[in-house]
PDB file of all heavy atoms in Angstrom:
ATOM      1  N   ARG A   1     -32.242 -36.742  31.453  1.00  0.00           N
ATOM      2  CA  ARG A   1     -33.486 -36.646  32.197  1.00  0.00           C
ATOM      3  C   ARG A   1     -34.542 -37.529  31.592  1.00  0.00           C
ATOM      4  O   ARG A   1     -34.509 -37.834  30.402  1.00  0.00           O
ATOM      5  CB  ARG A   1     -33.948 -35.197  32.344  1.00  0.00           C
ATOM      6  CG  ARG A   1     -32.983 -34.305  33.034  1.00  0.00           C
ATOM      7  CD  ARG A   1     -33.447 -32.881  33.122  1.00  0.00           C
ATOM      8  NE  ARG A   1     -32.376 -32.086  33.820  1.00  0.00           N
ATOM      9  CZ  ARG A   1     -32.365 -31.969  35.163  1.00  0.00           C
ATOM     10  NH1 ARG A   1     -33.221 -32.555  35.947  1.00  0.00           N
ATOM     11  NH2 ARG A   1     -31.405 -31.222  35.721  1.00  0.00           N
ATOM     12  N   ALA A   2     -35.577 -37.904  32.404  1.00  0.00           N
ATOM     13  CA  ALA A   2     -36.669 -38.695  31.892  1.00  0.00           C
ATOM     14  C   ALA A   2     -37.555 -37.913  30.979  1.00  0.00           C
ATOM     15  O   ALA A   2     -37.959 -36.776  31.261  1.00  0.00           O
ATOM     16  CB  ALA A   2     -37.491 -39.179  33.098  1.00  0.00           C
ATOM     17  N   PRO A   3     -37.820 -38.488  29.750  1.00  0.00           N
ATOM     18  CA  PRO A   3     -38.682 -37.724  28.803  1.00  0.00           C
ATOM     19  C   PRO A   3     -40.137 -37.767  29.151  1.00  0.00           C
ATOM     20  O   PRO A   3     -40.906 -36.896  28.668  1.00  0.00           O
ATOM     21  CB  PRO A   3     -38.385 -38.434  27.454  1.00  0.00           C
ATOM     22  CG  PRO A   3     -38.027 -39.808  27.890  1.00  0.00           C
ATOM     23  CD  PRO A   3     -37.320 -39.738  29.202  1.00  0.00           C
ATOM     24  N   VAL A   4     -40.590 -38.771  29.910  1.00  0.00           N
ATOM     25  CA  VAL A   4     -41.982 -38.900  30.273  1.00  0.00           C
ATOM     26  C   VAL A   4     -42.118 -39.319  31.718  1.00  0.00           C
ATOM     27  O   VAL A   4     -41.123 -39.720  32.404  1.00  0.00           O
ATOM     28  CB  VAL A   4     -42.689 -40.007  29.346  1.00  0.00           C
ATOM     29  CG1 VAL A   4     -42.694 -39.566  27.923  1.00  0.00           C
ATOM     30  CG2 VAL A   4     -41.980 -41.350  29.521  1.00  0.00           C
ATOM     31  N   THR A   5     -43.290 -39.233  32.288  1.00  0.00           N
ATOM     32  CA  THR A   5     -43.527 -39.726  33.627  1.00  0.00           C
ATOM     33  C   THR A   5     -43.857 -41.210  33.558  1.00  0.00           C
ATOM     34  O   THR A   5     -44.825 -41.628  32.889  1.00  0.00           O
ATOM     35  CB  THR A   5     -44.750 -38.942  34.238  1.00  0.00           C
ATOM     36  OG1 THR A   5     -44.418 -37.543  34.306  1.00  0.00           O
ATOM     37  CG2 THR A   5     -45.015 -39.492  35.662  1.00  0.00           C
ATOM     38  N   GLU A   6     -43.013 -41.990  34.173  1.00  0.00           N
ATOM     39  CA  GLU A   6     -43.215 -43.482  34.124  1.00  0.00           C
ATOM     40  C   GLU A   6     -42.338 -44.133  35.179  1.00  0.00           C
ATOM     41  O   GLU A   6     -41.472 -43.490  35.855  1.00  0.00           O
ATOM     42  CB  GLU A   6     -42.827 -43.956  32.736  1.00  0.00           C
ATOM     43  CG  GLU A   6     -43.272 -45.369  32.380  1.00  0.00           C
ATOM     44  CD  GLU A   6     -44.778 -45.561  32.595  1.00  0.00           C
ATOM     45  OE1 GLU A   6     -45.522 -45.257  31.648  1.00  0.00           O
ATOM     46  OE2 GLU A   6     -45.114 -46.005  33.674  1.00  0.00           O
ATOM     47  N   ARG A   7     -42.548 -45.372  35.410  1.00  0.00           N
ATOM     48  CA  ARG A   7     -41.851 -46.224  36.388  1.00  0.00           C
ATOM     49  C   ARG A   7     -40.630 -46.785  35.776  1.00  0.00           C
ATOM     50  O   ARG A   7     -40.656 -47.264  34.559  1.00  0.00           O
ATOM     51  CB  ARG A   7     -42.759 -47.304  36.921  1.00  0.00           C
ATOM     52  CG  ARG A   7     -42.094 -48.257  37.953  1.00  0.00           C
ATOM     53  CD  ARG A   7     -43.169 -49.221  38.457  1.00  0.00           C
ATOM     54  NE  ARG A   7     -43.817 -49.919  37.416  1.00  0.00           N
ATOM     55  CZ  ARG A   7     -43.379 -50.984  36.835  1.00  0.00           C
ATOM     56  NH1 ARG A   7     -42.184 -51.516  37.227  1.00  0.00           N
ATOM     57  NH2 ARG A   7     -44.113 -51.572  35.893  1.00  0.00           N
ATOM     58  N   ILE A   8     -39.507 -46.801  36.533  1.00  0.00           N
ATOM     59  CA  ILE A   8     -38.201 -47.375  36.030  1.00  0.00           C
ATOM     60  C   ILE A   8     -38.228 -48.910  36.186  1.00  0.00           C
ATOM     61  O   ILE A   8     -38.497 -49.369  37.269  1.00  0.00           O
ATOM     62  CB  ILE A   8     -37.023 -46.774  36.776  1.00  0.00           C
ATOM     63  CG1 ILE A   8     -36.905 -45.273  36.497  1.00  0.00           C
ATOM     64  CG2 ILE A   8     -35.752 -47.515  36.380  1.00  0.00           C
ATOM     65  CD1 ILE A   8     -35.811 -44.588  37.285  1.00  0.00           C
ATOM     66  N   THR A   9     -38.046 -49.565  35.121  1.00  0.00           N
ATOM     67  CA  THR A   9     -37.982 -51.046  35.141  1.00  0.00           C
ATOM     68  C   THR A   9     -36.536 -51.644  35.037  1.00  0.00           C
ATOM     69  O   THR A   9     -36.413 -52.821  35.438  1.00  0.00           O
ATOM     70  CB  THR A   9     -38.828 -51.652  34.042  1.00  0.00           C
ATOM     71  OG1 THR A   9     -38.259 -51.221  32.764  1.00  0.00           O
ATOM     72  CG2 THR A   9     -40.268 -51.155  34.078  1.00  0.00           C
ATOM     73  N   GLN A  10     -35.601 -50.835  34.603  1.00  0.00           N
ATOM     74  CA  GLN A  10     -34.243 -51.345  34.446  1.00  0.00           C
ATOM     75  C   GLN A  10     -33.234 -50.204  34.442  1.00  0.00           C
ATOM     76  O   GLN A  10     -33.526 -49.139  33.908  1.00  0.00           O
ATOM     77  CB  GLN A  10     -34.140 -52.181  33.156  1.00  0.00           C
ATOM     78  CG  GLN A  10     -32.793 -52.843  32.987  1.00  0.00           C
ATOM     79  CD  GLN A  10     -32.763 -53.669  31.629  1.00  0.00           C
ATOM     80  OE1 GLN A  10     -33.800 -53.776  30.949  1.00  0.00           O
ATOM     81  NE2 GLN A  10     -31.590 -54.148  31.281  1.00  0.00           N
ATOM     82  N   LEU A  11     -32.082 -50.429  35.079  1.00  0.00           N
ATOM     83  CA  LEU A  11     -31.006 -49.426  35.099  1.00  0.00           C
ATOM     84  C   LEU A  11     -29.766 -50.101  34.468  1.00  0.00           C
ATOM     85  O   LEU A  11     -29.512 -51.278  34.757  1.00  0.00           O
ATOM     86  CB  LEU A  11     -30.699 -48.987  36.468  1.00  0.00           C
ATOM     87  CG  LEU A  11     -31.718 -47.990  37.098  1.00  0.00           C
ATOM     88  CD1 LEU A  11     -31.392 -47.729  38.554  1.00  0.00           C
ATOM     89  CD2 LEU A  11     -31.781 -46.704  36.259  1.00  0.00           C
ATOM     90  N   GLY A  12     -28.994 -49.416  33.680  1.00  0.00           N
ATOM     91  CA  GLY A  12     -27.871 -49.969  32.984  1.00  0.00           C
ATOM     92  C   GLY A  12     -26.536 -49.451  33.401  1.00  0.00           C
ATOM     93  O   GLY A  12     -25.555 -49.526  32.671  1.00  0.00           O
ATOM     94  N   PHE A  13     -26.409 -48.801  34.581  1.00  0.00           N
ATOM     95  CA  PHE A  13     -25.161 -48.288  34.998  1.00  0.00           C
ATOM     96  C   PHE A  13     -25.114 -48.342  36.551  1.00  0.00           C
ATOM     97  O   PHE A  13     -26.067 -48.493  37.261  1.00  0.00           O
ATOM     98  CB  PHE A  13     -24.982 -46.837  34.542  1.00  0.00           C
ATOM     99  CG  PHE A  13     -25.945 -45.869  35.272  1.00  0.00           C
ATOM    100  CD1 PHE A  13     -25.512 -45.114  36.382  1.00  0.00           C
ATOM    101  CD2 PHE A  13     -27.241 -45.702  34.854  1.00  0.00           C
ATOM    102  CE1 PHE A  13     -26.386 -44.224  37.020  1.00  0.00           C
ATOM    103  CE2 PHE A  13     -28.148 -44.842  35.437  1.00  0.00           C
ATOM    104  CZ  PHE A  13     -27.682 -44.118  36.541  1.00  0.00           C
ATOM    105  N   SER A  14     -23.814 -48.250  37.023  1.00  0.00           N
ATOM    106  CA  SER A  14     -23.531 -48.222  38.446  1.00  0.00           C
ATOM    107  C   SER A  14     -22.845 -46.900  38.744  1.00  0.00           C
ATOM    108  O   SER A  14     -22.452 -46.141  37.877  1.00  0.00           O
ATOM    109  CB  SER A  14     -22.670 -49.382  38.901  1.00  0.00           C
ATOM    110  OG  SER A  14     -23.299 -50.609  38.694  1.00  0.00           O
ATOM    111  N   ASP A  15     -22.634 -46.578  40.012  1.00  0.00           N
ATOM    112  CA  ASP A  15     -22.005 -45.326  40.416  1.00  0.00           C
ATOM    113  C   ASP A  15     -20.688 -45.101  39.690  1.00  0.00           C
ATOM    114  O   ASP A  15     -19.751 -45.931  39.828  1.00  0.00           O
ATOM    115  CB  ASP A  15     -21.758 -45.274  41.927  1.00  0.00           C
ATOM    116  CG  ASP A  15     -23.093 -45.333  42.685  1.00  0.00           C
ATOM    117  OD1 ASP A  15     -24.132 -45.033  42.153  1.00  0.00           O
ATOM    118  OD2 ASP A  15     -23.036 -45.704  43.911  1.00  0.00           O
ATOM    119  N   GLY A  16     -20.515 -43.995  39.023  1.00  0.00           N
ATOM    120  CA  GLY A  16     -19.237 -43.611  38.427  1.00  0.00           C
ATOM    121  C   GLY A  16     -18.791 -44.411  37.268  1.00  0.00           C
ATOM    122  O   GLY A  16     -17.594 -44.365  36.917  1.00  0.00           O
ATOM    123  N   ASP A  17     -19.708 -45.225  36.680  1.00  0.00           N
ATOM    124  CA  ASP A  17     -19.270 -46.073  35.556  1.00  0.00           C
ATOM    125  C   ASP A  17     -18.871 -45.241  34.307  1.00  0.00           C
ATOM    126  O   ASP A  17     -19.323 -44.125  34.203  1.00  0.00           O
ATOM    127  CB  ASP A  17     -20.437 -46.947  35.117  1.00  0.00           C
ATOM    128  CG  ASP A  17     -20.466 -48.273  35.900  1.00  0.00           C
ATOM    129  OD1 ASP A  17     -19.566 -48.526  36.678  1.00  0.00           O
ATOM    130  OD2 ASP A  17     -21.445 -49.054  35.733  1.00  0.00           O
ATOM    131  N   TYR A  18     -18.009 -45.861  33.536  1.00  0.00           N
ATOM    132  CA  TYR A  18     -17.688 -45.253  32.188  1.00  0.00           C
ATOM    133  C   TYR A  18     -18.677 -45.920  31.235  1.00  0.00           C
ATOM    134  O   TYR A  18     -18.722 -47.132  31.063  1.00  0.00           O
ATOM    135  CB  TYR A  18     -16.291 -45.534  31.832  1.00  0.00           C
ATOM    136  CG  TYR A  18     -15.923 -44.892  30.461  1.00  0.00           C
ATOM    137  CD1 TYR A  18     -15.528 -43.508  30.415  1.00  0.00           C
ATOM    138  CD2 TYR A  18     -15.990 -45.573  29.245  1.00  0.00           C
ATOM    139  CE1 TYR A  18     -15.217 -42.890  29.290  1.00  0.00           C
ATOM    140  CE2 TYR A  18     -15.668 -44.988  28.071  1.00  0.00           C
ATOM    141  CZ  TYR A  18     -15.312 -43.624  28.079  1.00  0.00           C
ATOM    142  OH  TYR A  18     -14.990 -43.027  26.854  1.00  0.00           O
ATOM    143  N   VAL A  19     -19.398 -45.134  30.475  1.00  0.00           N
ATOM    144  CA  VAL A  19     -20.401 -45.630  29.492  1.00  0.00           C
ATOM    145  C   VAL A  19     -20.059 -45.211  28.149  1.00  0.00           C
ATOM    146  O   VAL A  19     -19.428 -44.163  27.955  1.00  0.00           O
ATOM    147  CB  VAL A  19     -21.848 -45.209  29.882  1.00  0.00           C
ATOM    148  CG1 VAL A  19     -22.267 -45.699  31.238  1.00  0.00           C
ATOM    149  CG2 VAL A  19     -21.909 -43.626  29.934  1.00  0.00           C
ATOM    150  N   GLN A  20     -20.497 -45.987  27.170  1.00  0.00           N
ATOM    151  CA  GLN A  20     -20.235 -45.668  25.752  1.00  0.00           C
ATOM    152  C   GLN A  20     -21.403 -44.917  25.200  1.00  0.00           C
ATOM    153  O   GLN A  20     -22.552 -45.032  25.692  1.00  0.00           O
ATOM    154  CB  GLN A  20     -20.037 -46.973  24.950  1.00  0.00           C
ATOM    155  CG  GLN A  20     -18.765 -47.823  25.380  1.00  0.00           C
ATOM    156  CD  GLN A  20     -17.472 -47.098  25.043  1.00  0.00           C
ATOM    157  OE1 GLN A  20     -17.407 -46.248  24.172  1.00  0.00           O
ATOM    158  NE2 GLN A  20     -16.423 -47.501  25.697  1.00  0.00           N
ATOM    159  N   LYS A  21     -21.178 -44.175  24.118  1.00  0.00           N
ATOM    160  CA  LYS A  21     -22.260 -43.487  23.384  1.00  0.00           C
ATOM    161  C   LYS A  21     -23.294 -44.464  22.993  1.00  0.00           C
ATOM    162  O   LYS A  21     -23.035 -45.534  22.369  1.00  0.00           O
ATOM    163  CB  LYS A  21     -21.715 -42.727  22.246  1.00  0.00           C
ATOM    164  CG  LYS A  21     -22.776 -42.021  21.403  1.00  0.00           C
ATOM    165  CD  LYS A  21     -22.184 -41.212  20.254  1.00  0.00           C
ATOM    166  CE  LYS A  21     -23.244 -40.486  19.468  1.00  0.00           C
ATOM    167  NZ  LYS A  21     -22.665 -39.748  18.308  1.00  0.00           N
ATOM    168  N   GLY A  22     -24.585 -44.183  23.304  1.00  0.00           N
ATOM    169  CA  GLY A  22     -25.716 -45.042  22.968  1.00  0.00           C
ATOM    170  C   GLY A  22     -26.011 -46.132  23.940  1.00  0.00           C
ATOM    171  O   GLY A  22     -27.021 -46.859  23.784  1.00  0.00           O
ATOM    172  N   GLN A  23     -25.171 -46.259  24.949  1.00  0.00           N
ATOM    173  CA  GLN A  23     -25.449 -47.262  25.925  1.00  0.00           C
ATOM    174  C   GLN A  23     -26.655 -47.018  26.766  1.00  0.00           C
ATOM    175  O   GLN A  23     -26.972 -45.848  27.130  1.00  0.00           O
ATOM    176  CB  GLN A  23     -24.206 -47.459  26.932  1.00  0.00           C
ATOM    177  CG  GLN A  23     -24.346 -48.517  27.971  1.00  0.00           C
ATOM    178  CD  GLN A  23     -23.086 -48.647  28.786  1.00  0.00           C
ATOM    179  OE1 GLN A  23     -22.005 -48.420  28.282  1.00  0.00           O
ATOM    180  NE2 GLN A  23     -23.287 -49.041  30.091  1.00  0.00           N
ATOM    181  N   MET A  24     -27.495 -48.085  27.057  1.00  0.00           N
ATOM    182  CA  MET A  24     -28.744 -47.859  27.812  1.00  0.00           C
ATOM    183  C   MET A  24     -28.415 -47.520  29.304  1.00  0.00           C
ATOM    184  O   MET A  24     -27.610 -48.132  29.884  1.00  0.00           O
ATOM    185  CB  MET A  24     -29.508 -49.193  27.776  1.00  0.00           C
ATOM    186  CG  MET A  24     -30.858 -49.121  28.437  1.00  0.00           C
ATOM    187  SD  MET A  24     -30.774 -49.585  30.243  1.00  0.00           S
ATOM    188  CE  MET A  24     -30.442 -51.295  30.122  1.00  0.00           C
ATOM    189  N   LEU A  25     -29.041 -46.408  29.698  1.00  0.00           N
ATOM    190  CA  LEU A  25     -28.901 -46.058  31.125  1.00  0.00           C
ATOM    191  C   LEU A  25     -30.117 -46.413  31.947  1.00  0.00           C
ATOM    192  O   LEU A  25     -29.926 -46.791  33.116  1.00  0.00           O
ATOM    193  CB  LEU A  25     -28.756 -44.464  31.140  1.00  0.00           C
ATOM    194  CG  LEU A  25     -27.531 -43.920  30.446  1.00  0.00           C
ATOM    195  CD1 LEU A  25     -27.534 -42.392  30.579  1.00  0.00           C
ATOM    196  CD2 LEU A  25     -26.209 -44.515  30.994  1.00  0.00           C
ATOM    197  N   ALA A  26     -31.289 -46.357  31.319  1.00  0.00           N
ATOM    198  CA  ALA A  26     -32.498 -46.737  32.082  1.00  0.00           C
ATOM    199  C   ALA A  26     -33.592 -47.071  31.086  1.00  0.00           C
ATOM    200  O   ALA A  26     -33.674 -46.608  29.983  1.00  0.00           O
ATOM    201  CB  ALA A  26     -32.987 -45.558  32.933  1.00  0.00           C
ATOM    202  N   VAL A  27     -34.487 -47.969  31.562  1.00  0.00           N
ATOM    203  CA  VAL A  27     -35.675 -48.374  30.778  1.00  0.00           C
ATOM    204  C   VAL A  27     -36.888 -48.081  31.623  1.00  0.00           C
ATOM    205  O   VAL A  27     -36.975 -48.438  32.759  1.00  0.00           O
ATOM    206  CB  VAL A  27     -35.642 -49.863  30.405  1.00  0.00           C
ATOM    207  CG1 VAL A  27     -36.957 -50.229  29.695  1.00  0.00           C
ATOM    208  CG2 VAL A  27     -34.432 -50.172  29.549  1.00  0.00           C
ATOM    209  N   LEU A  28     -37.828 -47.347  31.016  1.00  0.00           N
ATOM    210  CA  LEU A  28     -39.086 -47.070  31.707  1.00  0.00           C
ATOM    211  C   LEU A  28     -40.180 -47.985  31.199  1.00  0.00           C
ATOM    212  O   LEU A  28     -40.120 -48.561  30.185  1.00  0.00           O
ATOM    213  CB  LEU A  28     -39.480 -45.598  31.377  1.00  0.00           C
ATOM    214  CG  LEU A  28     -38.486 -44.502  31.644  1.00  0.00           C
ATOM    215  CD1 LEU A  28     -39.040 -43.125  31.298  1.00  0.00           C
ATOM    216  CD2 LEU A  28     -37.980 -44.489  33.071  1.00  0.00           C
ATOM    217  N   ALA A  29     -41.168 -48.163  32.064  1.00  0.00           N
ATOM    218  CA  ALA A  29     -42.248 -49.108  31.786  1.00  0.00           C
ATOM    219  C   ALA A  29     -42.866 -48.753  30.418  1.00  0.00           C
ATOM    220  O   ALA A  29     -43.144 -47.600  30.099  1.00  0.00           O
ATOM    221  CB  ALA A  29     -43.321 -49.110  32.887  1.00  0.00           C
ATOM    222  N   GLN A  30     -43.076 -49.807  29.558  1.00  0.00           N
ATOM    223  CA  GLN A  30     -43.545 -49.513  28.219  1.00  0.00           C
ATOM    224  C   GLN A  30     -44.577 -50.578  27.707  1.00  0.00           C
ATOM    225  O   GLN A  30     -44.655 -50.801  26.501  1.00  0.00           O
ATOM    226  CB  GLN A  30     -42.367 -49.503  27.246  1.00  0.00           C
ATOM    227  CG  GLN A  30     -41.418 -50.717  27.359  1.00  0.00           C
ATOM    228  CD  GLN A  30     -40.100 -50.558  26.574  1.00  0.00           C
ATOM    229  OE1 GLN A  30     -39.876 -51.341  25.694  1.00  0.00           O
ATOM    230  NE2 GLN A  30     -39.367 -49.549  26.905  1.00  0.00           N
ATOM    231  N   GLY A  31     -45.255 -51.148  28.639  1.00  0.00           N
ATOM    232  CA  GLY A  31     -46.202 -52.307  28.263  1.00  0.00           C
ATOM    233  C   GLY A  31     -47.278 -51.718  27.385  1.00  0.00           C
ATOM    234  O   GLY A  31     -47.646 -52.341  26.388  1.00  0.00           O
ATOM    235  N   GLN A  32     -47.891 -50.655  27.740  1.00  0.00           N
ATOM    236  CA  GLN A  32     -49.007 -50.080  26.898  1.00  0.00           C
ATOM    237  C   GLN A  32     -48.455 -49.622  25.555  1.00  0.00           C
ATOM    238  O   GLN A  32     -49.125 -49.862  24.523  1.00  0.00           O
ATOM    239  CB  GLN A  32     -49.642 -48.877  27.639  1.00  0.00           C
ATOM    240  CG  GLN A  32     -50.820 -48.297  26.877  1.00  0.00           C
ATOM    241  CD  GLN A  32     -51.496 -47.171  27.684  1.00  0.00           C
ATOM    242  OE1 GLN A  32     -51.142 -46.949  28.837  1.00  0.00           O
ATOM    243  NE2 GLN A  32     -52.348 -46.455  27.044  1.00  0.00           N
ATOM    244  N   GLU A  33     -47.267 -49.047  25.528  1.00  0.00           N
ATOM    245  CA  GLU A  33     -46.724 -48.604  24.229  1.00  0.00           C
ATOM    246  C   GLU A  33     -46.379 -49.767  23.363  1.00  0.00           C
ATOM    247  O   GLU A  33     -46.564 -49.716  22.181  1.00  0.00           O
ATOM    248  CB  GLU A  33     -45.457 -47.744  24.529  1.00  0.00           C
ATOM    249  CG  GLU A  33     -45.728 -46.363  25.061  1.00  0.00           C
ATOM    250  CD  GLU A  33     -46.294 -46.386  26.504  1.00  0.00           C
ATOM    251  OE1 GLU A  33     -46.016 -47.386  27.212  1.00  0.00           O
ATOM    252  OE2 GLU A  33     -47.014 -45.439  26.892  1.00  0.00           O
ATOM    253  N   THR A  34     -45.919 -50.881  23.965  1.00  0.00           N
ATOM    254  CA  THR A  34     -45.626 -52.113  23.221  1.00  0.00           C
ATOM    255  C   THR A  34     -46.804 -52.647  22.512  1.00  0.00           C
ATOM    256  O   THR A  34     -46.825 -53.028  21.344  1.00  0.00           O
ATOM    257  CB  THR A  34     -44.918 -53.168  24.083  1.00  0.00           C
ATOM    258  OG1 THR A  34     -43.749 -52.593  24.666  1.00  0.00           O
ATOM    259  CG2 THR A  34     -44.555 -54.390  23.269  1.00  0.00           C
TER     260      THR A  34
END
């Protein structure tokens, strides 16, 4: 689940994909935090 309220800027998976531990699933907007 999303830890904060923010806009999604990137997704790292497709439907039913096999993912590895630590693989990026989503990136939320982080301009202000950067």
